[in-house]
Amino acid sequence: WVYEVDGVMAERLAAVEDVDIDHDGRFKYILIKVNSSDSWKYIVRGYSFASYHADILERVQPGIEGIGLTCDCVGGGRIQHNSADKSIHVYGYSTGFGRADHSIAVQKLKDKYPDYARIDFSNEGY
């Protein structure tokens, strides 16, 4: 019985997409730790609608909690996404959540966009 529950939770965790960002532009992003009963993973979310990093968490959190998982924002920053040039630059920090570990975000982005010419980060800037 416990293994069935854990298997379901693992499936739910796996179903949460690792990366969801806007197609182009400069926008805020957050790194979120999503937790199941026995496992966890990081996800990246970034959208131009967000005036504040917390706006992104407010949009994403109900969907994650709605499938029985929990989540915590572990930091934020900004993304410059240029799909025509196939480049993404991650930088800066969130005043409210602090600086995300951009190296984790970059690895997730590289997994999502393997054909991109450049995906990098800098801890400079706001």
C-alpha atoms as a PDB file:
ATOM      1  CA  TRP A   1       0.000   0.000   0.000  1.00  0.00           C
ATOM      2  CA  VAL A   2       2.730   2.500   0.893  1.00  0.00           C
ATOM      3  CA  TYR A   3       4.582   1.657  -2.300  1.00  0.00           C
ATOM      4  CA  GLU A   4       1.475   2.408  -4.375  1.00  0.00           C
ATOM      5  CA  VAL A   5       1.121   5.798  -2.740  1.00  0.00           C
ATOM      6  CA  ASP A   6       4.816   6.543  -3.249  1.00  0.00           C
ATOM      7  CA  GLY A   7       4.558   5.400  -6.879  1.00  0.00           C
ATOM      8  CA  VAL A   8       1.639   7.743  -7.456  1.00  0.00           C
ATOM      9  CA  MET A   9       3.526  10.602  -5.835  1.00  0.00           C
ATOM     10  CA  ALA A  10       6.583   9.873  -7.978  1.00  0.00           C
ATOM     11  CA  GLU A  11       4.364   9.954 -11.082  1.00  0.00           C
ATOM     12  CA  ARG A  12       2.885  13.270 -10.002  1.00  0.00           C
ATOM     13  CA  LEU A  13       6.350  14.726  -9.416  1.00  0.00           C
ATOM     14  CA  ALA A  14       7.546  13.480 -12.805  1.00  0.00           C
ATOM     15  CA  ALA A  15       4.469  15.028 -14.465  1.00  0.00           C
ATOM     16  CA  VAL A  16       5.470  18.537 -13.366  1.00  0.00           C
ATOM     17  CA  GLU A  17       7.375  20.073 -16.276  1.00  0.00           C
ATOM     18  CA  ASP A  18      10.948  21.058 -15.414  1.00  0.00           C
ATOM     19  CA  VAL A  19      10.914  24.309 -17.403  1.00  0.00           C
ATOM     20  CA  ASP A  20       8.166  26.701 -18.427  1.00  0.00           C
ATOM     21  CA  ILE A  21       9.325  30.130 -19.590  1.00  0.00           C
ATOM     22  CA  ASP A  22       8.154  32.729 -22.076  1.00  0.00           C
ATOM     23  CA  HIS A  23       9.231  32.265 -25.686  1.00  0.00           C
ATOM     24  CA  ASP A  24      11.100  35.561 -25.956  1.00  0.00           C
ATOM     25  CA  GLY A  25      12.087  38.666 -24.026  1.00  0.00           C
ATOM     26  CA  ARG A  26      13.498  39.744 -20.683  1.00  0.00           C
ATOM     27  CA  PHE A  27      11.519  38.611 -17.655  1.00  0.00           C
ATOM     28  CA  LYS A  28      11.673  37.510 -14.034  1.00  0.00           C
ATOM     29  CA  TYR A  29      12.114  33.845 -13.174  1.00  0.00           C
ATOM     30  CA  ILE A  30      12.056  31.713 -10.038  1.00  0.00           C
ATOM     31  CA  LEU A  31      13.635  28.393  -9.112  1.00  0.00           C
ATOM     32  CA  ILE A  32      11.137  26.217  -7.255  1.00  0.00           C
ATOM     33  CA  LYS A  33      11.768  23.068  -5.236  1.00  0.00           C
ATOM     34  CA  VAL A  34       8.810  20.700  -5.722  1.00  0.00           C
ATOM     35  CA  ASN A  35       8.387  18.021  -3.058  1.00  0.00           C
ATOM     36  CA  SER A  36       6.539  14.710  -2.949  1.00  0.00           C
ATOM     37  CA  SER A  37       6.364  12.400   0.039  1.00  0.00           C
ATOM     38  CA  ASP A  38       9.779  10.888  -0.647  1.00  0.00           C
ATOM     39  CA  SER A  39      11.436  12.870  -3.402  1.00  0.00           C
ATOM     40  CA  TRP A  40      11.902  16.349  -4.854  1.00  0.00           C
ATOM     41  CA  LYS A  41      13.113  18.229  -7.917  1.00  0.00           C
ATOM     42  CA  TYR A  42      13.799  21.758  -9.072  1.00  0.00           C
ATOM     43  CA  ILE A  43      11.701  23.496 -11.693  1.00  0.00           C
ATOM     44  CA  VAL A  44      12.176  26.813 -13.505  1.00  0.00           C
ATOM     45  CA  ARG A  45       9.334  29.229 -14.186  1.00  0.00           C
ATOM     46  CA  GLY A  46       9.695  32.607 -15.887  1.00  0.00           C
ATOM     47  CA  TYR A  47       7.090  34.947 -17.330  1.00  0.00           C
ATOM     48  CA  SER A  48       6.900  38.499 -18.589  1.00  0.00           C
ATOM     49  CA  PHE A  49       3.519  39.136 -16.927  1.00  0.00           C
ATOM     50  CA  ALA A  50       5.191  39.166 -13.499  1.00  0.00           C
ATOM     51  CA  SER A  51       5.845  42.541 -11.931  1.00  0.00           C
ATOM     52  CA  TYR A  52       7.293  40.709  -8.924  1.00  0.00           C
ATOM     53  CA  HIS A  53       8.883  37.290  -8.534  1.00  0.00           C
ATOM     54  CA  ALA A  54       6.101  36.409  -6.065  1.00  0.00           C
ATOM     55  CA  ASP A  55       3.553  36.818  -8.890  1.00  0.00           C
ATOM     56  CA  ILE A  56       5.052  33.756 -10.558  1.00  0.00           C
ATOM     57  CA  LEU A  57       4.847  31.656  -7.396  1.00  0.00           C
ATOM     58  CA  GLU A  58       1.238  32.751  -6.863  1.00  0.00           C
ATOM     59  CA  ARG A  59       0.370  31.484 -10.339  1.00  0.00           C
ATOM     60  CA  VAL A  60       2.310  28.194 -10.163  1.00  0.00           C
ATOM     61  CA  GLN A  61       1.781  27.065  -6.555  1.00  0.00           C
ATOM     62  CA  PRO A  62      -1.966  26.218  -6.734  1.00  0.00           C
ATOM     63  CA  GLY A  63      -1.421  23.789  -9.627  1.00  0.00           C
ATOM     64  CA  ILE A  64       1.384  22.008  -7.811  1.00  0.00           C
ATOM     65  CA  GLU A  65      -0.493  21.796  -4.526  1.00  0.00           C
ATOM     66  CA  GLY A  66      -3.623  20.744  -6.418  1.00  0.00           C
ATOM     67  CA  ILE A  67      -1.968  17.438  -7.347  1.00  0.00           C
ATOM     68  CA  GLY A  68      -0.828  16.745  -3.782  1.00  0.00           C
ATOM     69  CA  LEU A  69       2.720  18.105  -3.959  1.00  0.00           C
ATOM     70  CA  THR A  70       4.303  20.999  -2.084  1.00  0.00           C
ATOM     71  CA  CYS A  71       6.686  23.646  -3.304  1.00  0.00           C
ATOM     72  CA  ASP A  72       9.057  26.321  -2.074  1.00  0.00           C
ATOM     73  CA  CYS A  73      10.674  29.131  -4.012  1.00  0.00           C
ATOM     74  CA  VAL A  74      14.422  28.902  -3.425  1.00  0.00           C
ATOM     75  CA  GLY A  75      15.375  32.075  -5.289  1.00  0.00           C
ATOM     76  CA  GLY A  76      14.948  34.083  -8.422  1.00  0.00           C
ATOM     77  CA  GLY A  77      16.526  36.269 -11.014  1.00  0.00           C
ATOM     78  CA  ARG A  78      15.976  37.305 -14.601  1.00  0.00           C
ATOM     79  CA  ILE A  79      16.123  35.624 -17.979  1.00  0.00           C
ATOM     80  CA  GLN A  80      16.922  37.156 -21.338  1.00  0.00           C
ATOM     81  CA  HIS A  81      15.495  34.724 -23.920  1.00  0.00           C
ATOM     82  CA  ASN A  82      16.139  35.199 -27.628  1.00  0.00           C
ATOM     83  CA  SER A  83      14.614  32.272 -29.520  1.00  0.00           C
ATOM     84  CA  ALA A  84      15.743  33.628 -32.928  1.00  0.00           C
ATOM     85  CA  ASP A  85      19.395  33.584 -31.816  1.00  0.00           C
ATOM     86  CA  LYS A  86      18.828  30.435 -29.747  1.00  0.00           C
ATOM     87  CA  SER A  87      20.282  32.040 -26.644  1.00  0.00           C
ATOM     88  CA  ILE A  88      19.290  32.376 -23.007  1.00  0.00           C
ATOM     89  CA  HIS A  89      21.109  34.449 -20.397  1.00  0.00           C
ATOM     90  CA  VAL A  90      20.226  33.994 -16.710  1.00  0.00           C
ATOM     91  CA  TYR A  91      21.276  36.697 -14.242  1.00  0.00           C
ATOM     92  CA  GLY A  92      20.378  38.852 -11.249  1.00  0.00           C
ATOM     93  CA  TYR A  93      18.381  38.114  -8.148  1.00  0.00           C
ATOM     94  CA  SER A  94      14.989  38.471  -6.472  1.00  0.00           C
ATOM     95  CA  THR A  95      14.635  41.049  -3.734  1.00  0.00           C
ATOM     96  CA  GLY A  96      12.010  38.897  -2.010  1.00  0.00           C
ATOM     97  CA  PHE A  97      13.425  35.395  -2.541  1.00  0.00           C
ATOM     98  CA  GLY A  98      17.147  36.047  -2.968  1.00  0.00           C
ATOM     99  CA  ARG A  99      19.402  34.865  -5.786  1.00  0.00           C
ATOM    100  CA  ALA A 100      18.596  31.464  -7.236  1.00  0.00           C
ATOM    101  CA  ASP A 101      21.395  29.032  -7.930  1.00  0.00           C
ATOM    102  CA  HIS A 102      21.594  30.016 -11.595  1.00  0.00           C
ATOM    103  CA  SER A 103      23.739  26.970 -12.405  1.00  0.00           C
ATOM    104  CA  ILE A 104      20.754  24.725 -11.612  1.00  0.00           C
ATOM    105  CA  ALA A 105      18.441  26.864 -13.741  1.00  0.00           C
ATOM    106  CA  VAL A 106      20.935  26.811 -16.623  1.00  0.00           C
ATOM    107  CA  GLN A 107      21.209  23.003 -16.510  1.00  0.00           C
ATOM    108  CA  LYS A 108      17.400  22.685 -16.604  1.00  0.00           C
ATOM    109  CA  LEU A 109      17.265  25.139 -19.525  1.00  0.00           C
ATOM    110  CA  LYS A 110      19.990  23.230 -21.409  1.00  0.00           C
ATOM    111  CA  ASP A 111      17.971  20.027 -20.978  1.00  0.00           C
ATOM    112  CA  LYS A 112      14.842  21.778 -22.316  1.00  0.00           C
ATOM    113  CA  TYR A 113      16.603  23.555 -25.208  1.00  0.00           C
ATOM    114  CA  PRO A 114      19.403  21.203 -26.354  1.00  0.00           C
ATOM    115  CA  ASP A 115      19.651  22.874 -29.775  1.00  0.00           C
ATOM    116  CA  TYR A 116      20.403  26.343 -28.371  1.00  0.00           C
ATOM    117  CA  ALA A 117      23.776  27.857 -29.211  1.00  0.00           C
ATOM    118  CA  ARG A 118      24.230  29.610 -25.859  1.00  0.00           C
ATOM    119  CA  ILE A 119      22.687  29.194 -22.421  1.00  0.00           C
ATOM    120  CA  ASP A 120      24.706  30.854 -19.661  1.00  0.00           C
ATOM    121  CA  PHE A 121      24.474  32.841 -16.446  1.00  0.00           C
ATOM    122  CA  SER A 122      26.015  35.641 -14.494  1.00  0.00           C
ATOM    123  CA  ASN A 123      25.548  36.609 -10.864  1.00  0.00           C
ATOM    124  CA  GLU A 124      25.858  40.268 -11.884  1.00  0.00           C
ATOM    125  CA  GLY A 125      22.960  42.656 -12.293  1.00  0.00           C
ATOM    126  CA  TYR A 126      19.529  42.948 -10.837  1.00  0.00           C
END
